[in-house]
Amino acid sequence: MVNVAVIGCAHGELDNIFHLVRYMMTQKNVAIDLLICCGDFQAVRNRQEMESMAVPAKFRRMTDFHRYYDGSAQAPVLTIFVGGNHEASSYMAELPYGGWVAPNIYYLGIAGVVNVCGLRIAGLSGIYKSHDYYRGHFEVPPYSNSTVRSVYHTRSEDVFRLKCIRQPIDVFVSHEWPLGIHHFGDYSTLFTRKPFLRDDAENDQLGSPPGRELLEQLKPRFWFAAHLHVKFAAFCDHGAGRSTRFLALDKCLPHRKFAQVVQIPTSGAENVPAKLMYDLEWLAILRQTDHLMKSFVKTAPAEADLNGHTTVLPFYLNPQTKIFCDKLGITDIPSILQKRVPTSVSSKESKDDPSGSSSIFDSFLSSTTATFSESSFNPDEILLDETGSEAVEKEISTCENDLSFAGLKRVISCDSGAPAMLKRRNESIYSDTPE
């Protein structure tokens, strides 16, 4: 049995999240083996890196990650996350195949599979946009106003690789919901809480079309997601004894259901330290689709290292990615992209590189036509032209009486009653008022 703490959108609030984990472990006697975050992690190492994050400039503030990066703070448990649509994309670009972003904090990559505590955990980063789905990865720092958004859009080649998986997946992690998952849960209550989702659902636009394809093909035992800033549970019966228990969680704010601890049965040994290992099938897939892990190293200066200086390189090569690619004999994408980085250019002067939009799968995809609908619009999201704010509430609440996830067996707790107050520095970004 593995106790997994699942977090919705982190939005950089790592101190509060890890305080909650420690509270559950010490005050509630809940053993937590692993923490999974479903996106918007915001691994920002320094202030300059905030320019690669798709949020309004006036809302770009240093949160907590840089202290975990420079070692002045430590994650209490092994933490795994996927990327969302509000990330420090320049750092994520260093690790397209995944890697350690800080001690004890692991990024699953654009798409990836790892083994932890006897569980096979797969993940897909980003959100779906049909106009970028077949373009391939071409973005490179410093990002333009266009590429700072397109860099986190889901690409067909990564979904294709995940579709090649044949062995069972225990946990799938994504930022977006799979398209149509609301049909398998209490959607009436969902639409009461988030009325703007009703139109998307009626137009078959609520969620990610590639996510639905992966749900139908991989049939994971559990699927965790975030993005829409609401807690929602569903049970999808695939037949033949296969089913998926879906759980989406809210963003990290007071009185919001952003955390839940789930017990997942496993055949592995219990009460052993969580150890992350590469997945052999996934490594084989990466190698075989190239035509189409623990050595954390700081590559960019942390905020504390700058000492008032503001000069940092626009793009860094991460040795983890080079070692990983050398071992498998596959393409080192960051090294290729680095050659396109201008030697002297500001992020405001950078432009899209249409010539760089070719994909290793172009020949395969040229005969394929996209028929997917756009992913849903969420007025509760951070808008790039967002204005105004509201004060957030002050205390973390519990959800002991919430039965929305009653269909998921072996849930041992949900939101903590931790007395700590969440920081209000990002209250403007996290306003719950629809625009």
Protein backbone atom coordinates (compact mmCIF):
# COMPACT_ATOMS: atom_id res chain seq x y z
CA MET A 1 0.00 0.00 0.00
CA VAL A 2 1.38 3.38 -1.04
CA ASN A 3 0.08 6.61 0.49
CA VAL A 4 0.13 9.31 -2.19
CA ALA A 5 -0.55 12.97 -1.40
CA VAL A 6 -2.08 14.54 -4.50
CA ILE A 7 -1.96 18.31 -5.04
CA GLY A 8 -3.88 20.31 -7.65
CA CYS A 9 -2.34 23.52 -9.01
CA ALA A 10 0.62 24.46 -6.83
CA HIS A 11 1.15 27.99 -8.18
CA GLY A 12 4.55 28.07 -6.48
CA GLU A 13 3.19 27.74 -2.93
CA LEU A 14 5.64 25.01 -1.95
CA ASP A 15 6.10 26.14 1.64
CA ASN A 16 2.38 25.81 2.31
CA ILE A 17 2.14 22.50 0.50
CA PHE A 18 5.08 20.94 2.31
CA HIS A 19 3.87 22.37 5.63
CA LEU A 20 0.60 20.57 4.99
CA VAL A 21 2.47 17.34 4.28
CA ARG A 22 4.48 17.64 7.50
CA TYR A 23 1.30 18.43 9.44
CA MET A 24 -0.41 15.30 8.11
CA MET A 25 2.60 13.16 8.92
CA THR A 26 3.34 14.50 12.42
CA GLN A 27 -0.03 15.65 13.74
CA LYS A 28 -2.40 13.26 12.00
CA ASN A 29 -0.08 10.24 11.90
CA VAL A 30 -0.69 9.80 8.18
CA ALA A 31 2.30 8.23 6.48
CA ILE A 32 2.95 9.87 3.12
CA ASP A 33 5.26 8.03 0.75
CA LEU A 34 5.01 10.27 -2.27
CA LEU A 35 3.65 13.66 -3.32
CA ILE A 36 2.25 14.25 -6.81
CA CYS A 37 1.52 17.73 -8.15
CA CYS A 38 -0.74 18.11 -11.20
CA GLY A 39 0.85 21.17 -12.75
CA ASP A 40 1.45 24.92 -12.46
CA PHE A 41 4.34 23.99 -10.19
CA GLN A 42 6.30 27.15 -11.09
CA ALA A 43 9.92 26.04 -10.62
CA VAL A 44 11.32 29.58 -10.86
CA ARG A 45 15.02 29.76 -9.96
CA ASN A 46 15.54 33.52 -10.26
CA ARG A 47 13.67 36.68 -11.20
CA GLN A 48 14.82 36.67 -14.81
CA GLU A 49 13.27 33.24 -15.25
CA MET A 50 9.84 34.67 -14.52
CA GLU A 51 9.90 36.12 -18.03
CA SER A 52 9.49 32.59 -19.37
CA MET A 53 6.28 32.08 -17.37
CA ALA A 54 2.97 32.85 -19.07
CA VAL A 55 1.40 35.13 -16.48
CA PRO A 56 0.81 38.90 -16.63
CA ALA A 57 4.07 40.74 -15.96
CA LYS A 58 2.62 42.69 -13.04
CA PHE A 59 1.80 39.42 -11.29
CA ARG A 60 5.26 37.85 -11.65
CA ARG A 61 6.61 37.41 -8.14
CA MET A 62 9.20 35.12 -6.62
CA THR A 63 7.51 32.37 -4.67
CA ASP A 64 9.21 29.49 -2.84
CA PHE A 65 10.95 27.21 -5.32
CA HIS A 66 14.29 29.05 -5.51
CA ARG A 67 15.05 28.12 -1.89
CA TYR A 68 14.45 24.42 -2.62
CA TYR A 69 16.68 24.81 -5.66
CA ASP A 70 19.60 26.37 -3.78
CA GLY A 71 19.27 23.92 -0.87
CA SER A 72 18.12 26.29 1.85
CA ALA A 73 14.82 24.36 2.03
CA GLN A 74 14.11 20.66 1.54
CA ALA A 75 11.09 18.75 0.27
CA PRO A 76 10.00 16.38 3.08
CA VAL A 77 8.97 13.58 0.70
CA LEU A 78 9.74 12.58 -2.86
CA THR A 79 7.79 14.98 -5.06
CA ILE A 80 6.82 14.36 -8.68
CA PHE A 81 5.07 16.87 -10.93
CA VAL A 82 3.96 17.52 -14.49
CA GLY A 83 3.97 20.89 -16.19
CA GLY A 84 0.90 23.06 -16.57
CA ASN A 85 0.27 26.29 -18.45
CA HIS A 86 1.95 28.57 -15.90
CA GLU A 87 5.49 27.25 -15.58
CA ALA A 88 9.06 28.53 -15.71
CA SER A 89 9.31 27.18 -19.24
CA SER A 90 13.00 28.00 -19.67
CA TYR A 91 13.86 25.54 -16.88
CA MET A 92 11.39 22.93 -18.12
CA ALA A 93 13.02 23.20 -21.57
CA GLU A 94 16.26 21.89 -20.07
CA LEU A 95 14.55 18.64 -19.10
CA PRO A 96 12.24 17.51 -21.92
CA TYR A 97 12.69 13.88 -20.87
CA GLY A 98 12.29 14.69 -17.18
CA GLY A 99 14.79 15.15 -14.38
CA TRP A 100 15.51 16.54 -10.93
CA VAL A 101 14.65 20.25 -10.70
CA ALA A 102 15.79 20.33 -7.06
CA PRO A 103 16.81 17.71 -4.49
CA ASN A 104 13.88 15.33 -3.96
CA ILE A 105 11.71 17.11 -6.57
CA TYR A 106 11.35 15.40 -9.95
CA TYR A 107 9.79 16.70 -13.17
CA LEU A 108 8.20 13.99 -15.34
CA GLY A 109 9.11 15.84 -18.52
CA ILE A 110 6.93 16.70 -21.48
CA ALA A 111 5.76 13.11 -21.27
CA GLY A 112 7.23 10.35 -19.18
CA VAL A 113 6.92 7.17 -17.15
CA VAL A 114 8.77 6.30 -13.94
CA ASN A 115 8.57 3.60 -11.28
CA VAL A 116 8.14 4.58 -7.63
CA CYS A 117 7.25 2.32 -4.70
CA GLY A 118 6.05 -0.41 -7.03
CA LEU A 119 3.82 1.99 -9.00
CA ARG A 120 4.12 2.83 -12.69
CA ILE A 121 3.43 6.55 -12.93
CA ALA A 122 2.93 8.16 -16.33
CA GLY A 123 2.44 11.83 -17.03
CA LEU A 124 1.72 14.39 -19.74
CA SER A 125 2.54 18.07 -19.30
CA GLY A 126 0.83 21.13 -20.74
CA ILE A 127 -2.59 21.85 -22.21
CA TYR A 128 -4.17 21.13 -25.59
CA LYS A 129 -4.47 23.65 -28.41
CA SER A 130 -5.38 22.27 -31.84
CA HIS A 131 -3.33 24.80 -33.81
CA ASP A 132 -0.08 23.66 -32.15
CA TYR A 133 -0.83 19.96 -31.72
CA TYR A 134 0.96 18.84 -34.90
CA ARG A 135 3.71 21.46 -35.00
CA GLY A 136 6.45 19.73 -33.04
CA HIS A 137 8.71 21.40 -30.48
CA PHE A 138 10.37 24.49 -31.90
CA GLU A 139 10.26 27.08 -29.10
CA VAL A 140 13.50 28.28 -27.56
CA PRO A 141 14.31 30.90 -24.90
CA PRO A 142 14.10 33.83 -24.81
CA TYR A 143 10.44 33.35 -25.65
CA SER A 144 8.29 35.78 -27.61
CA ASN A 145 4.75 36.70 -26.61
CA SER A 146 3.60 33.83 -28.80
CA THR A 147 6.09 31.09 -27.94
CA VAL A 148 5.83 31.71 -24.18
CA ARG A 149 2.34 30.24 -24.58
CA SER A 150 2.86 27.66 -27.31
CA VAL A 151 5.81 26.08 -25.51
CA TYR A 152 3.47 24.35 -23.04
CA HIS A 153 0.94 23.15 -25.63
CA THR A 154 0.53 19.39 -25.96
CA ARG A 155 2.17 17.86 -29.05
CA SER A 156 1.08 14.80 -30.99
CA GLU A 157 4.50 13.14 -30.91
CA ASP A 158 4.45 12.99 -27.11
CA VAL A 159 0.92 11.58 -27.07
CA PHE A 160 2.01 9.07 -29.71
CA ARG A 161 4.81 7.87 -27.48
CA LEU A 162 2.43 7.42 -24.54
CA LYS A 163 0.09 5.45 -26.78
CA CYS A 164 2.91 2.99 -27.42
CA ILE A 165 2.76 1.84 -23.78
CA ARG A 166 1.51 -1.73 -23.48
CA GLN A 167 2.18 -2.64 -19.85
CA PRO A 168 -0.44 -1.49 -17.26
CA ILE A 169 -0.17 2.01 -15.81
CA ASP A 170 -1.09 2.53 -12.15
CA VAL A 171 -1.23 6.32 -12.06
CA PHE A 172 -1.55 8.86 -14.84
CA VAL A 173 -0.90 12.53 -14.07
CA SER A 174 -1.91 15.43 -16.28
CA HIS A 175 -2.72 19.11 -15.93
CA GLU A 176 -5.84 19.05 -18.08
CA TRP A 177 -8.80 16.75 -17.65
CA PRO A 178 -9.45 14.08 -20.28
CA LEU A 179 -12.22 15.20 -22.61
CA GLY A 180 -15.64 14.00 -21.43
CA ILE A 181 -14.56 12.71 -18.03
CA HIS A 182 -17.39 14.69 -16.43
CA HIS A 183 -19.87 12.12 -17.78
CA PHE A 184 -18.52 9.62 -15.24
CA GLY A 185 -19.01 11.76 -12.14
CA ASP A 186 -21.47 14.08 -10.45
CA TYR A 187 -21.54 16.69 -13.20
CA SER A 188 -24.66 18.38 -11.81
CA THR A 189 -22.74 19.44 -8.71
CA LEU A 190 -19.75 20.33 -10.89
CA PHE A 191 -21.84 22.71 -13.00
CA THR A 192 -23.36 24.22 -9.87
CA ARG A 193 -19.88 25.02 -8.57
CA LYS A 194 -18.51 26.10 -11.95
CA PRO A 195 -21.45 27.18 -14.16
CA PHE A 196 -19.19 28.30 -17.00
CA LEU A 197 -18.20 24.66 -17.60
CA ARG A 198 -21.71 23.69 -18.70
CA ASP A 199 -21.46 25.19 -22.18
CA ASP A 200 -18.09 23.55 -22.77
CA ALA A 201 -19.51 20.20 -21.69
CA GLU A 202 -22.57 20.52 -23.93
CA ASN A 203 -20.29 21.36 -26.87
CA ASP A 204 -17.98 18.43 -26.08
CA GLN A 205 -15.12 20.80 -25.30
CA LEU A 206 -14.61 20.16 -21.60
CA GLY A 207 -11.15 18.65 -21.40
CA SER A 208 -8.32 17.46 -23.63
CA PRO A 209 -9.07 15.24 -26.67
CA PRO A 210 -5.62 13.58 -26.52
CA GLY A 211 -6.28 12.99 -22.83
CA ARG A 212 -9.43 11.08 -23.67
CA GLU A 213 -7.54 8.96 -26.19
CA LEU A 214 -4.94 8.09 -23.56
CA LEU A 215 -7.63 7.31 -20.99
CA GLU A 216 -9.35 4.93 -23.39
CA GLN A 217 -6.13 3.25 -24.47
CA LEU A 218 -4.03 3.08 -21.30
CA LYS A 219 -6.90 2.57 -18.82
CA PRO A 220 -4.80 3.56 -15.77
CA ARG A 221 -6.02 2.61 -12.30
CA PHE A 222 -5.91 6.26 -11.18
CA TRP A 223 -5.82 9.56 -13.04
CA PHE A 224 -4.98 12.82 -11.25
CA ALA A 225 -5.44 16.28 -12.80
CA ALA A 226 -6.03 19.96 -11.97
CA HIS A 227 -6.31 23.08 -14.20
CA LEU A 228 -10.04 23.88 -13.77
CA HIS A 229 -9.63 24.84 -10.10
CA VAL A 230 -12.35 22.62 -8.73
CA LYS A 231 -12.43 19.27 -6.98
CA PHE A 232 -14.15 16.58 -9.02
CA ALA A 233 -14.15 12.79 -8.85
CA ALA A 234 -15.26 10.24 -11.42
CA PHE A 235 -15.25 6.49 -11.93
CA CYS A 236 -14.74 5.22 -15.47
CA ASP A 237 -15.48 1.52 -16.05
CA HIS A 238 -13.63 0.26 -19.12
CA GLY A 239 -15.03 -3.26 -18.88
CA ALA A 240 -13.11 -6.53 -18.69
CA GLY A 241 -12.21 -5.75 -15.09
CA ARG A 242 -10.44 -2.47 -15.94
CA SER A 243 -11.45 0.88 -14.45
CA THR A 244 -10.03 4.34 -13.78
CA ARG A 245 -10.64 6.42 -10.67
CA PHE A 246 -10.30 10.06 -11.68
CA LEU A 247 -9.61 12.89 -9.25
CA ALA A 248 -9.17 16.57 -10.06
CA LEU A 249 -8.19 19.03 -7.34
CA ASP A 250 -8.34 22.78 -6.81
CA LYS A 251 -5.55 25.36 -6.60
CA CYS A 252 -3.54 25.94 -3.43
CA LEU A 253 -5.62 28.52 -1.56
CA PRO A 254 -7.42 28.73 1.78
CA HIS A 255 -10.78 26.96 1.93
CA ARG A 256 -10.06 25.23 -1.37
CA LYS A 257 -9.91 21.47 -1.83
CA PHE A 258 -6.44 21.29 -3.31
CA ALA A 259 -5.00 18.27 -1.46
CA GLN A 260 -5.98 14.67 -0.84
CA VAL A 261 -4.17 11.58 0.35
CA VAL A 262 -5.00 8.40 -1.55
CA GLN A 263 -3.98 4.86 -0.66
CA ILE A 264 -3.02 2.83 -3.71
CA PRO A 265 -2.56 -0.94 -3.36
CA THR A 266 0.72 -2.25 -4.72
CA SER A 267 2.58 -5.51 -4.79
CA GLY A 268 5.80 -3.82 -3.69
CA ALA A 269 7.28 -3.85 -0.21
CA GLU A 270 5.73 -1.46 2.30
CA ASN A 271 7.41 1.02 4.63
CA VAL A 272 10.48 1.40 2.44
CA PRO A 273 11.94 4.75 1.31
CA ALA A 274 10.53 5.93 -1.99
CA LYS A 275 13.05 5.37 -4.75
CA LEU A 276 12.50 6.68 -8.25
CA MET A 277 13.58 4.48 -11.15
CA TYR A 278 13.42 4.74 -14.92
CA ASP A 279 10.76 2.62 -16.62
CA LEU A 280 12.30 0.14 -19.04
CA GLU A 281 9.36 0.06 -21.44
CA TRP A 282 9.34 3.84 -21.62
CA LEU A 283 13.08 3.97 -22.31
CA ALA A 284 12.57 1.50 -25.15
CA ILE A 285 9.74 3.64 -26.54
CA LEU A 286 11.92 6.75 -26.46
CA ARG A 287 14.67 4.96 -28.32
CA GLN A 288 12.38 3.37 -30.88
CA THR A 289 10.55 6.65 -31.53
CA ASP A 290 13.60 8.84 -31.81
CA HIS A 291 12.98 9.10 -35.57
CA LEU A 292 9.91 10.93 -34.95
CA MET A 293 18.20 9.84 -13.46
CA LYS A 294 19.33 11.02 -10.04
CA SER A 295 22.07 13.62 -10.25
CA PHE A 296 20.72 17.09 -9.53
CA VAL A 297 22.97 19.92 -10.71
CA LYS A 298 22.28 23.64 -10.56
CA THR A 299 22.51 25.11 -14.05
CA ALA A 300 21.16 28.66 -13.62
CA PRO A 301 21.89 30.90 -10.65
CA ALA A 302 19.30 30.91 -7.88
CA GLU A 303 17.83 34.20 -6.72
CA ALA A 304 20.12 34.29 -3.66
CA ASP A 305 23.18 33.77 -5.90
CA LEU A 306 22.58 36.87 -8.01
CA ASN A 307 23.43 39.37 -5.24
CA GLY A 308 21.61 42.15 -7.00
CA HIS A 309 22.98 41.36 -10.46
CA THR A 310 20.44 40.78 -13.20
CA THR A 311 22.49 39.13 -15.94
CA VAL A 312 21.66 35.51 -16.64
CA LEU A 313 21.86 33.46 -19.81
CA PRO A 314 18.60 33.01 -21.73
CA PHE A 315 19.03 29.25 -21.96
CA TYR A 316 21.01 26.58 -20.12
CA LEU A 317 21.95 23.02 -21.01
CA ASN A 318 21.23 20.52 -18.25
CA PRO A 319 23.76 17.66 -17.90
CA GLN A 320 20.97 15.28 -16.85
CA THR A 321 19.41 15.52 -20.31
CA LYS A 322 22.74 14.99 -22.08
CA ILE A 323 23.58 11.93 -19.97
CA PHE A 324 20.07 10.54 -20.50
CA CYS A 325 20.25 11.02 -24.27
CA ASP A 326 23.77 9.60 -24.47
CA LYS A 327 22.71 6.47 -22.59
CA LEU A 328 19.82 5.82 -24.95
CA GLY A 329 21.37 7.18 -28.11
CA ILE A 330 18.47 9.56 -28.72
CA THR A 331 18.27 13.19 -29.82
CA ASP A 332 19.37 15.81 -27.30
CA ILE A 333 16.65 18.39 -28.04
CA PRO A 334 17.97 21.20 -25.79
CA SER A 335 21.40 21.04 -27.44
CA ILE A 336 19.78 21.48 -30.84
CA LEU A 337 17.58 24.32 -29.64
CA GLN A 338 20.51 26.09 -27.99
CA LYS A 339 22.10 26.57 -31.39
CA ARG A 340 19.13 28.75 -32.33
CA VAL A 341 19.45 31.00 -29.29
CA PRO A 342 20.60 34.50 -30.34
CA THR A 343 23.93 35.46 -28.78
CA SER A 344 22.58 38.85 -27.78
CA VAL A 345 18.85 39.43 -27.76
CA SER A 346 16.26 40.43 -25.20
CA SER A 347 13.05 38.54 -24.70
CA LYS A 348 11.12 41.53 -26.09
CA GLU A 349 13.14 41.44 -29.31
CA SER A 350 12.82 37.70 -29.86
CA LYS A 351 10.51 36.42 -32.56
CA ASP A 352 8.97 33.11 -33.52
CA ASP A 353 11.06 30.90 -35.73
CA PRO A 354 8.66 29.36 -38.25
CA SER A 355 11.49 27.45 -39.84
CA GLY A 356 12.01 25.66 -36.55
CA SER A 357 8.54 24.22 -36.41
CA SER A 358 9.45 20.99 -38.14
CA SER A 359 8.83 17.83 -36.17
CA ILE A 360 10.52 14.46 -36.23
CA PHE A 361 7.05 13.14 -36.98
CA ASP A 362 6.23 15.57 -39.83
CA SER A 363 6.31 12.89 -42.50
CA PHE A 364 3.95 10.74 -40.46
CA LEU A 365 1.63 13.58 -39.49
CA SER A 366 1.43 15.31 -42.87
CA SER A 367 -1.36 12.99 -43.97
CA THR A 368 -3.27 13.33 -40.69
CA THR A 369 -5.95 15.97 -40.18
CA ALA A 370 -6.73 17.40 -36.76
CA THR A 371 -10.39 17.02 -35.86
CA PHE A 372 -10.18 17.80 -32.16
CA SER A 373 -12.09 20.64 -30.55
CA GLU A 374 -10.36 23.30 -28.50
CA SER A 375 -9.88 22.75 -24.81
CA SER A 376 -12.30 24.52 -22.52
CA PHE A 377 -11.98 28.15 -21.47
CA ASN A 378 -11.76 28.65 -17.74
CA PRO A 379 -12.51 32.14 -16.42
CA ASP A 380 -11.05 31.00 -13.09
CA GLU A 381 -7.66 30.67 -14.80
CA ILE A 382 -4.86 33.24 -14.82
CA LEU A 383 -5.54 35.44 -17.84
CA LEU A 384 -2.68 37.16 -19.65
CA ASP A 385 -4.68 40.40 -19.70
CA GLU A 386 -6.01 39.85 -16.22
CA THR A 387 -6.83 42.92 -14.12
CA GLY A 388 -8.27 43.45 -10.71
CA SER A 389 -8.11 41.30 -7.61
CA GLU A 390 -9.98 40.11 -4.61
CA ALA A 391 -8.73 39.34 -1.13
CA VAL A 392 -8.46 35.65 -0.49
CA GLU A 393 -9.73 33.93 2.62
CA LYS A 394 -7.32 33.31 5.44
CA GLU A 395 -7.51 29.81 6.81
CA ILE A 396 -7.08 26.30 5.53
CA SER A 397 -10.33 24.42 5.90
CA THR A 398 -11.12 20.73 6.03
CA CYS A 399 -13.28 18.68 3.70
CA GLU A 400 -14.09 15.88 6.06
CA ASN A 401 -17.77 16.03 5.14
CA ASP A 402 -17.20 16.23 1.40
CA LEU A 403 -18.52 13.08 -0.26
CA SER A 404 -17.70 14.03 -3.85
CA PHE A 405 -14.96 11.42 -3.90
CA ALA A 406 -16.90 8.76 -2.04
CA GLY A 407 -16.69 6.42 -5.00
CA LEU A 408 -12.95 6.18 -4.64
CA LYS A 409 -12.17 3.52 -2.07
CA ARG A 410 -9.15 3.65 0.23
CA VAL A 411 -9.15 7.42 0.58
CA ILE A 412 -7.85 8.06 4.07
CA SER A 413 -8.01 11.85 4.25
CA CYS A 414 -8.47 14.97 2.23
CA ASP A 415 -7.77 18.62 2.91
CA SER A 416 -5.90 19.11 6.13
CA GLY A 417 -7.06 21.12 9.09
CA ALA A 418 -3.58 22.59 9.40
CA PRO A 419 -3.71 25.87 11.30
CA ALA A 420 -1.15 27.58 9.11
CA MET A 421 -2.34 30.52 7.06
CA LEU A 422 -1.61 30.65 3.36
CA LYS A 423 0.40 33.56 2.12
CA ARG A 424 -1.55 36.32 0.41
CA ARG A 425 1.20 37.60 -1.86
CA ASN A 426 -0.45 36.12 -4.95
CA GLU A 427 -4.03 36.97 -4.11
CA SER A 428 -4.42 38.93 -7.34
CA ILE A 429 -3.37 36.00 -9.47
CA TYR A 430 -5.50 33.54 -7.59
CA SER A 431 -8.70 35.56 -7.43
CA ASP A 432 -11.71 33.29 -7.79
CA THR A 433 -13.79 35.95 -9.50
CA PRO A 434 -14.48 34.99 -13.15
CA GLU A 435 -13.34 37.58 -15.65
